[in-house]
Amino acid sequence: MISLGIFARAAAVVICGGVLCGCFPGGQSSRDEEKEPHFLAGRSRVNAMDYKGAVESFEKALEVNPRSGAAHFELGCLYADKESDPAAAIYHYEQYLKLRPAAENSETVLQLIFRLKQDLAKAILPLPAAPGLQRELDQLADENRRLQDELEKYRSHGAASSNTVVAAVATLRTPPASNSIPTTMSASGQQNLAPMNRATASVAGAMRTHKVQAGENPSSIARKYGLKLDALMAANPKLDARRLLPGQTLIIPSP
C-alpha cells in the first residue's frame, strides 16, 4: 500500500511553494505559522525520527493557533504515515483544506483523503472480490508502488520539476466502480443482491452503543471492547477525539 504521509510530503514540497507566501485567514501567512516555537520543535522531532514527540509539538502549535493550516497538514502526514491512524489523518487533512481552500495541493490532499477512507472502509466491511476485480486491484497497488518509488527518488535528489510531480499525481487511478462487485444471478436471469444485503444487515445488527463516562477517551473505550482505535473512529466519523464529553453515545462496531 502506498505510504500516504510520504506521498503528501513529496508532492507538497513542489506544488505548495506558492501557498507558503500567500495570504491566509487572519492575516497570518504559512511562514508565520512555521515560525511558531512548538511548530519548529515538531519539525525538529520529525528530523530526529521522534514521531510521537512531533505529534505532541504540532498539537501544542494548534493550541496556540487553532487556525494553523501548516500544523494540521503536518499532523495529517504523521498520522497517515507514522502513526497508522487514518481516521486522525483524515480529520487533520480536512481541517487543512477548510483553512486553505485555495491551496495548490488541494487536489492531492483530496486524493489522499479518499484513499484513507478506502482503507477504513476495507477494515470495517471488506467486500468479496471476483478474480478479475482482484487482478485490477493488484495492478493498482503495483502502480502506486511505482509512483511511490518515483517520489522517493525526487525526495532524495531534489531534481524533479513541479510538472513531474503533478503528472505523477494525475496518473493515480481511482478504484473500480461499485458495479464491478460481483453479484449472483437468479433463475430468471435477474441480479440477486440478497447475500450482500444479508451480510450488511448482519453487521448492522451487531452494532452496539457506549455512553461515554468521565475520564474515558477513544483509546480506552476501544480497548474496553477489544477494538482497534481506527475501527472505533471509523464507526463514528463525526467524533472529535479531543472533545469527547461524558454522556456522548458512540457506536461500537463488531470486533
Protein backbone atom coordinates (compact mmCIF):
# COMPACT_ATOMS: atom_id res chain seq x y z
CA MET A 1 0.00 0.00 0.00
CA ILE A 2 1.31 3.46 -0.86
CA SER A 3 2.68 5.38 2.09
CA LEU A 4 0.23 8.26 2.11
CA GLY A 5 2.10 10.53 4.52
CA ILE A 6 5.34 10.36 2.49
CA PHE A 7 3.36 10.88 -0.73
CA ALA A 8 1.78 14.03 0.70
CA ARG A 9 5.12 15.46 1.82
CA ALA A 10 6.82 14.78 -1.51
CA ALA A 11 4.02 16.34 -3.54
CA ALA A 12 3.62 19.27 -1.18
CA VAL A 13 7.32 20.20 -1.36
CA VAL A 14 6.90 21.21 -5.00
CA ILE A 15 3.31 22.29 -5.51
CA CYS A 16 2.84 24.17 -2.24
CA GLY A 17 5.61 26.70 -2.90
CA GLY A 18 3.16 29.41 -3.88
CA VAL A 19 0.99 28.77 -0.83
CA LEU A 20 3.81 29.42 1.63
CA CYS A 21 3.96 33.11 0.72
CA GLY A 22 0.25 33.70 0.11
CA CYS A 23 -2.42 35.44 2.14
CA PHE A 24 -4.35 33.38 4.67
CA PRO A 25 -7.21 33.90 7.16
CA GLY A 26 -6.45 36.32 9.97
CA GLY A 27 -3.61 37.98 8.05
CA GLN A 28 -1.14 35.26 9.06
CA SER A 29 0.96 33.55 6.41
CA SER A 30 2.13 29.97 6.38
CA ARG A 31 5.66 31.23 7.00
CA ASP A 32 4.44 32.92 10.19
CA GLU A 33 2.81 29.68 11.32
CA GLU A 34 6.05 27.78 10.75
CA LYS A 35 7.98 30.21 12.98
CA GLU A 36 5.84 29.30 16.00
CA PRO A 37 8.14 27.62 18.62
CA HIS A 38 6.02 24.47 19.02
CA PHE A 39 5.83 24.06 15.24
CA LEU A 40 9.61 24.40 14.96
CA ALA A 41 10.02 21.82 17.74
CA GLY A 42 7.72 19.46 15.82
CA ARG A 43 9.83 19.79 12.66
CA SER A 44 12.98 19.16 14.69
CA ARG A 45 11.48 16.00 16.20
CA VAL A 46 10.42 14.73 12.77
CA ASN A 47 14.01 15.11 11.61
CA ALA A 48 15.12 13.19 14.70
CA MET A 49 12.51 10.48 13.90
CA ASP A 50 10.75 11.16 17.22
CA TYR A 51 7.31 10.97 15.63
CA LYS A 52 5.24 10.76 18.81
CA GLY A 53 7.07 13.81 20.17
CA ALA A 54 6.46 15.58 16.85
CA VAL A 55 2.72 14.89 17.12
CA GLU A 56 2.69 16.40 20.63
CA SER A 57 4.54 19.52 19.43
CA PHE A 58 2.22 20.11 16.45
CA GLU A 59 -0.82 19.60 18.70
CA LYS A 60 0.57 22.29 21.01
CA ALA A 61 1.06 24.54 17.98
CA LEU A 62 -2.67 24.13 17.29
CA GLU A 63 -3.49 25.04 20.89
CA VAL A 64 -1.58 28.29 20.38
CA ASN A 65 -3.09 28.90 16.92
CA PRO A 66 -6.15 26.73 16.12
CA ARG A 67 -6.11 28.12 12.55
CA SER A 68 -2.63 26.85 11.76
CA GLY A 69 -3.13 25.05 8.45
CA ALA A 70 0.57 24.13 8.43
CA ALA A 71 0.23 22.27 11.76
CA HIS A 72 -2.88 20.41 10.54
CA PHE A 73 -1.04 19.36 7.38
CA GLU A 74 1.98 18.05 9.32
CA LEU A 75 -0.29 16.10 11.67
CA GLY A 76 -2.16 14.61 8.72
CA CYS A 77 1.14 13.37 7.28
CA LEU A 78 2.30 11.93 10.61
CA TYR A 79 -0.96 10.14 11.39
CA ALA A 80 -1.17 8.69 7.88
CA ASP A 81 2.44 7.54 7.57
CA LYS A 82 3.99 7.17 11.02
CA GLU A 83 1.15 6.56 13.47
CA SER A 84 -1.08 4.38 11.23
CA ASP A 85 -4.18 6.30 12.32
CA PRO A 86 -6.16 7.03 9.13
CA ALA A 87 -9.14 8.49 11.00
CA ALA A 88 -6.96 11.15 12.65
CA ALA A 89 -5.13 11.77 9.35
CA ILE A 90 -8.45 12.37 7.56
CA TYR A 91 -9.53 14.84 10.26
CA HIS A 92 -6.35 16.93 10.02
CA TYR A 93 -6.25 16.87 6.21
CA GLU A 94 -9.88 18.06 6.08
CA GLN A 95 -9.13 20.84 8.58
CA TYR A 96 -6.18 21.87 6.42
CA LEU A 97 -8.45 22.15 3.36
CA LYS A 98 -11.01 24.20 5.32
CA LEU A 99 -8.28 26.65 6.34
CA ARG A 100 -6.53 26.61 2.95
CA PRO A 101 -9.33 26.09 0.36
CA ALA A 102 -7.22 27.65 -2.39
CA ALA A 103 -4.07 25.63 -1.65
CA GLU A 104 -2.33 24.46 -4.82
CA ASN A 105 -2.03 20.96 -3.39
CA SER A 106 -5.76 20.66 -2.58
CA GLU A 107 -6.38 18.03 -5.29
CA THR A 108 -3.51 15.92 -3.97
CA VAL A 109 -4.83 16.15 -0.40
CA LEU A 110 -8.35 15.23 -1.57
CA GLN A 111 -6.95 12.09 -3.23
CA LEU A 112 -5.10 11.20 -0.04
CA ILE A 113 -8.31 11.62 1.99
CA PHE A 114 -10.17 9.41 -0.50
CA ARG A 115 -7.58 6.63 -0.19
CA LEU A 116 -7.53 6.85 3.62
CA LYS A 117 -11.32 6.48 3.67
CA GLN A 118 -10.99 3.45 1.40
CA ASP A 119 -8.59 1.87 3.89
CA LEU A 120 -11.04 2.47 6.73
CA ALA A 121 -13.94 1.03 4.73
CA LYS A 122 -11.95 -2.13 3.92
CA ALA A 123 -11.00 -2.56 7.58
CA ILE A 124 -14.64 -2.41 8.73
CA LEU A 125 -16.52 -4.24 5.97
CA PRO A 126 -14.26 -5.97 3.43
CA LEU A 127 -16.12 -6.89 0.24
CA PRO A 128 -15.64 -10.17 -1.65
CA ALA A 129 -13.60 -9.65 -4.82
CA ALA A 130 -14.01 -11.56 -8.07
CA PRO A 131 -10.75 -12.81 -9.70
CA GLY A 132 -10.90 -10.08 -12.35
CA LEU A 133 -11.51 -7.36 -9.76
CA GLN A 134 -8.69 -8.67 -7.60
CA ARG A 135 -6.28 -8.55 -10.55
CA GLU A 136 -7.23 -4.94 -11.20
CA LEU A 137 -6.69 -4.07 -7.53
CA ASP A 138 -3.28 -5.76 -7.65
CA GLN A 139 -2.37 -3.72 -10.74
CA LEU A 140 -3.39 -0.53 -8.93
CA ALA A 141 -1.20 -1.48 -5.98
CA ASP A 142 1.77 -2.09 -8.31
CA GLU A 143 1.19 1.27 -9.99
CA ASN A 144 1.02 3.03 -6.64
CA ARG A 145 4.29 1.40 -5.56
CA ARG A 146 5.93 2.58 -8.80
CA LEU A 147 4.74 6.14 -8.22
CA GLN A 148 5.97 5.96 -4.65
CA ASP A 149 9.43 4.91 -5.87
CA GLU A 150 9.50 7.89 -8.24
CA LEU A 151 8.52 10.29 -5.46
CA GLU A 152 11.19 8.82 -3.18
CA LYS A 153 13.81 9.41 -5.88
CA TYR A 154 12.62 13.00 -6.13
CA ARG A 155 12.95 13.50 -2.39
CA SER A 156 16.45 12.02 -2.45
CA HIS A 157 17.86 14.02 -5.35
CA GLY A 158 15.62 17.11 -5.46
CA ALA A 159 15.94 17.23 -9.24
CA ALA A 160 12.36 16.67 -10.42
CA SER A 161 10.28 19.61 -11.58
CA SER A 162 6.81 20.51 -10.32
CA ASN A 163 5.33 19.28 -13.61
CA THR A 164 6.76 15.82 -12.93
CA VAL A 165 5.04 15.60 -9.54
CA VAL A 166 1.72 16.94 -10.87
CA ALA A 167 1.83 14.41 -13.72
CA ALA A 168 2.54 11.59 -11.26
CA VAL A 169 -0.43 12.61 -9.13
CA ALA A 170 -2.68 12.80 -12.20
CA THR A 171 -1.89 9.19 -13.13
CA LEU A 172 -3.28 7.83 -9.87
CA ARG A 173 -6.27 5.76 -10.85
CA THR A 174 -9.47 5.52 -8.92
CA PRO A 175 -10.66 2.07 -7.79
CA PRO A 176 -13.09 0.10 -9.95
CA ALA A 177 -16.66 1.31 -9.93
CA SER A 178 -19.05 -0.27 -7.48
CA ASN A 179 -20.79 -2.03 -10.36
CA SER A 180 -17.69 -4.23 -10.66
CA ILE A 181 -18.67 -6.02 -7.45
CA PRO A 182 -19.86 -9.48 -8.42
CA THR A 183 -23.50 -10.38 -7.95
CA THR A 184 -25.33 -13.67 -8.19
CA MET A 185 -27.97 -14.40 -10.80
CA SER A 186 -31.44 -15.71 -10.09
CA ALA A 187 -33.13 -18.42 -12.13
CA SER A 188 -34.90 -15.72 -14.17
CA GLY A 189 -31.58 -14.10 -15.08
CA GLN A 190 -32.00 -11.09 -12.76
CA GLN A 191 -29.25 -9.96 -10.42
CA ASN A 192 -29.65 -11.11 -6.86
CA LEU A 193 -28.05 -8.91 -4.20
CA ALA A 194 -29.63 -10.77 -1.27
CA PRO A 195 -26.35 -12.32 0.02
CA MET A 196 -24.72 -8.89 0.17
CA ASN A 197 -27.81 -7.38 1.82
CA ARG A 198 -27.84 -10.17 4.43
CA ALA A 199 -24.17 -9.57 5.18
CA THR A 200 -24.76 -5.86 5.59
CA ALA A 201 -27.78 -6.43 7.81
CA SER A 202 -25.76 -8.84 9.93
CA VAL A 203 -23.06 -6.25 10.50
CA ALA A 204 -25.62 -3.55 11.28
CA GLY A 205 -27.38 -5.85 13.73
CA ALA A 206 -24.14 -6.47 15.59
CA MET A 207 -23.60 -2.77 16.30
CA ARG A 208 -23.65 -1.68 19.93
CA THR A 209 -23.52 1.70 21.62
CA HIS A 210 -21.50 3.07 24.51
CA LYS A 211 -22.24 6.11 26.65
CA VAL A 212 -19.03 7.99 27.42
CA GLN A 213 -18.11 8.17 31.12
CA ALA A 214 -15.96 10.83 32.79
CA GLY A 215 -12.25 10.19 32.23
CA GLU A 216 -12.74 7.97 29.19
CA ASN A 217 -11.09 8.58 25.81
CA PRO A 218 -11.38 6.84 22.42
CA SER A 219 -8.34 4.64 23.12
CA SER A 220 -9.64 3.38 26.47
CA ILE A 221 -13.11 2.75 25.00
CA ALA A 222 -11.61 0.80 22.08
CA ARG A 223 -9.58 -1.34 24.49
CA LYS A 224 -12.68 -1.98 26.62
CA TYR A 225 -14.44 -3.60 23.65
CA GLY A 226 -11.36 -5.24 22.16
CA LEU A 227 -11.36 -2.95 19.13
CA LYS A 228 -8.72 -1.11 17.16
CA LEU A 229 -8.91 2.64 17.56
CA ASP A 230 -9.23 3.02 13.77
CA ALA A 231 -12.37 0.88 13.74
CA LEU A 232 -13.99 2.88 16.56
CA MET A 233 -13.20 6.22 14.88
CA ALA A 234 -14.43 4.99 11.51
CA ALA A 235 -17.74 3.91 13.05
CA ASN A 236 -18.10 7.41 14.49
CA PRO A 237 -16.85 9.68 11.66
CA LYS A 238 -18.05 12.91 13.32
CA LEU A 239 -16.32 12.13 16.61
CA ASP A 240 -13.71 14.69 17.71
CA ALA A 241 -11.29 12.71 19.89
CA ARG A 242 -10.09 15.88 21.57
CA ARG A 243 -13.57 16.99 22.60
CA LEU A 244 -15.04 13.77 23.96
CA LEU A 245 -17.72 14.63 26.53
CA PRO A 246 -19.38 12.48 29.21
CA GLY A 247 -22.80 11.38 28.06
CA GLN A 248 -21.92 11.14 24.36
CA THR A 249 -23.17 7.97 22.70
CA LEU A 250 -20.71 6.11 20.48
CA ILE A 251 -21.38 3.31 18.00
CA ILE A 252 -19.38 0.19 18.90
CA PRO A 253 -18.75 -1.97 15.80
CA SER A 254 -18.28 -5.70 16.00
CA PRO A 255 -14.65 -6.74 16.73
